[in-house]
Amino acid sequence: MNRALKTPLRIWVDADACPATIKEILYRTVKRLEVELVLVANQAMRVPSSEFVRLITVSDGANVADDTIIEMLEPGDLVITGDIPLAARVVEKSGIA
């Protein structure tokens, strides 16, 4: 998907600890709003087939998913997480947590 053709907002999810009900709400929301949703996890998980949803699977280890999100995050992106240190890093990089 060419980000320039869509809304500049991208939603990132620290997906390993994200409850299934929250992910389901996000799947419906990004379809309706046509916004990109990127789930980052250190384990495989089922995601709906959609041009708006993708999964990035990272290696297991402390902060690997967090580091991936921070590396790819652009100013104005939204990150869904319950991890306070990750949220602080997001804000430092001009994201929304």
Protein backbone atom coordinates (compact mmCIF):
# COMPACT_ATOMS: atom_id res chain seq x y z
CA MET A 1 0.00 0.00 0.00
CA ASN A 2 1.36 3.40 -0.93
CA ARG A 3 1.14 5.47 2.23
CA ALA A 4 1.09 8.73 0.29
CA LEU A 5 -2.24 7.70 -1.27
CA LYS A 6 -3.85 6.93 2.08
CA THR A 7 -4.12 8.80 5.33
CA PRO A 8 -0.71 9.45 6.85
CA LEU A 9 -1.72 7.77 10.10
CA ARG A 10 -0.43 4.28 10.79
CA ILE A 11 -1.48 2.28 13.85
CA TRP A 12 1.10 0.02 15.49
CA VAL A 13 0.18 -2.68 18.01
CA ASP A 14 2.51 -4.21 20.56
CA ALA A 15 0.61 -7.39 19.78
CA ASP A 16 1.96 -10.09 22.11
CA ALA A 17 0.04 -8.81 25.14
CA CYS A 18 -2.82 -7.07 23.33
CA PRO A 19 -6.18 -8.64 24.22
CA ALA A 20 -8.04 -10.33 21.35
CA THR A 21 -11.08 -8.09 21.87
CA ILE A 22 -8.96 -4.97 21.32
CA LYS A 23 -7.44 -6.46 18.15
CA GLU A 24 -10.93 -7.24 16.83
CA ILE A 25 -12.01 -3.63 17.41
CA LEU A 26 -8.87 -2.42 15.61
CA TYR A 27 -9.47 -4.74 12.63
CA ARG A 28 -12.98 -3.34 12.15
CA THR A 29 -11.82 0.25 12.67
CA VAL A 30 -8.98 0.18 10.13
CA LYS A 31 -11.23 -1.40 7.53
CA ARG A 32 -13.84 1.32 8.02
CA LEU A 33 -11.30 4.18 8.10
CA GLU A 34 -8.89 2.65 5.54
CA VAL A 35 -5.92 3.12 7.86
CA GLU A 36 -2.90 0.83 8.00
CA LEU A 37 -2.61 -1.42 11.07
CA VAL A 38 0.69 -3.13 11.83
CA LEU A 39 0.87 -5.75 14.56
CA VAL A 40 4.34 -6.56 15.87
CA ALA A 41 4.79 -9.80 17.82
CA ASN A 42 7.41 -12.39 18.65
CA GLN A 43 5.02 -15.23 17.84
CA ALA A 44 2.81 -16.14 14.92
CA MET A 45 -0.80 -15.08 15.21
CA ARG A 46 -3.86 -15.10 13.04
CA VAL A 47 -4.76 -11.79 11.41
CA PRO A 48 -7.53 -11.11 8.92
CA SER A 49 -6.70 -11.01 5.25
CA SER A 50 -6.88 -7.30 4.51
CA GLU A 51 -4.95 -4.69 2.59
CA PHE A 52 -4.99 -2.63 5.80
CA VAL A 53 -3.62 -5.23 8.25
CA ARG A 54 -0.17 -6.78 8.41
CA LEU A 55 1.82 -8.74 10.95
CA ILE A 56 5.54 -8.38 11.56
CA THR A 57 6.94 -11.35 13.46
CA VAL A 58 10.23 -10.63 15.25
CA SER A 59 12.64 -12.89 17.07
CA ASP A 60 12.03 -13.64 20.72
CA GLY A 61 13.90 -11.45 23.16
CA ALA A 62 13.60 -8.50 25.49
CA ASN A 63 12.33 -5.39 23.69
CA VAL A 64 12.74 -6.79 20.15
CA ALA A 65 9.13 -5.94 19.24
CA ASP A 66 9.43 -2.55 20.98
CA ASP A 67 12.65 -1.73 19.13
CA THR A 68 11.05 -2.70 15.81
CA ILE A 69 8.09 -0.42 16.41
CA ILE A 70 10.33 2.50 17.38
CA GLU A 71 12.59 1.97 14.38
CA MET A 72 9.69 2.02 11.91
CA LEU A 73 7.49 4.60 13.66
CA GLU A 74 6.89 7.92 11.92
CA PRO A 75 5.82 11.15 13.68
CA GLY A 76 2.06 11.16 14.21
CA ASP A 77 1.70 7.37 14.18
CA LEU A 78 -0.39 5.78 16.94
CA VAL A 79 0.95 2.92 19.08
CA ILE A 80 -1.36 0.66 21.10
CA THR A 81 0.55 -0.71 24.09
CA GLY A 82 0.32 -1.26 27.81
CA ASP A 83 4.11 -0.97 28.09
CA ILE A 84 4.95 2.35 29.79
CA PRO A 85 8.64 2.43 28.71
CA LEU A 86 7.58 1.80 25.08
CA ALA A 87 4.93 4.53 25.35
CA ALA A 88 7.59 6.97 26.57
CA ARG A 89 9.84 6.10 23.61
CA VAL A 90 6.91 6.62 21.22
CA VAL A 91 6.20 10.08 22.61
CA GLU A 92 9.92 10.96 22.40
CA LYS A 93 9.74 10.15 18.68
CA SER A 94 6.63 12.35 18.19
CA GLY A 95 4.22 9.43 18.06
CA ILE A 96 1.00 8.94 20.02
CA ALA A 97 0.75 6.17 22.63
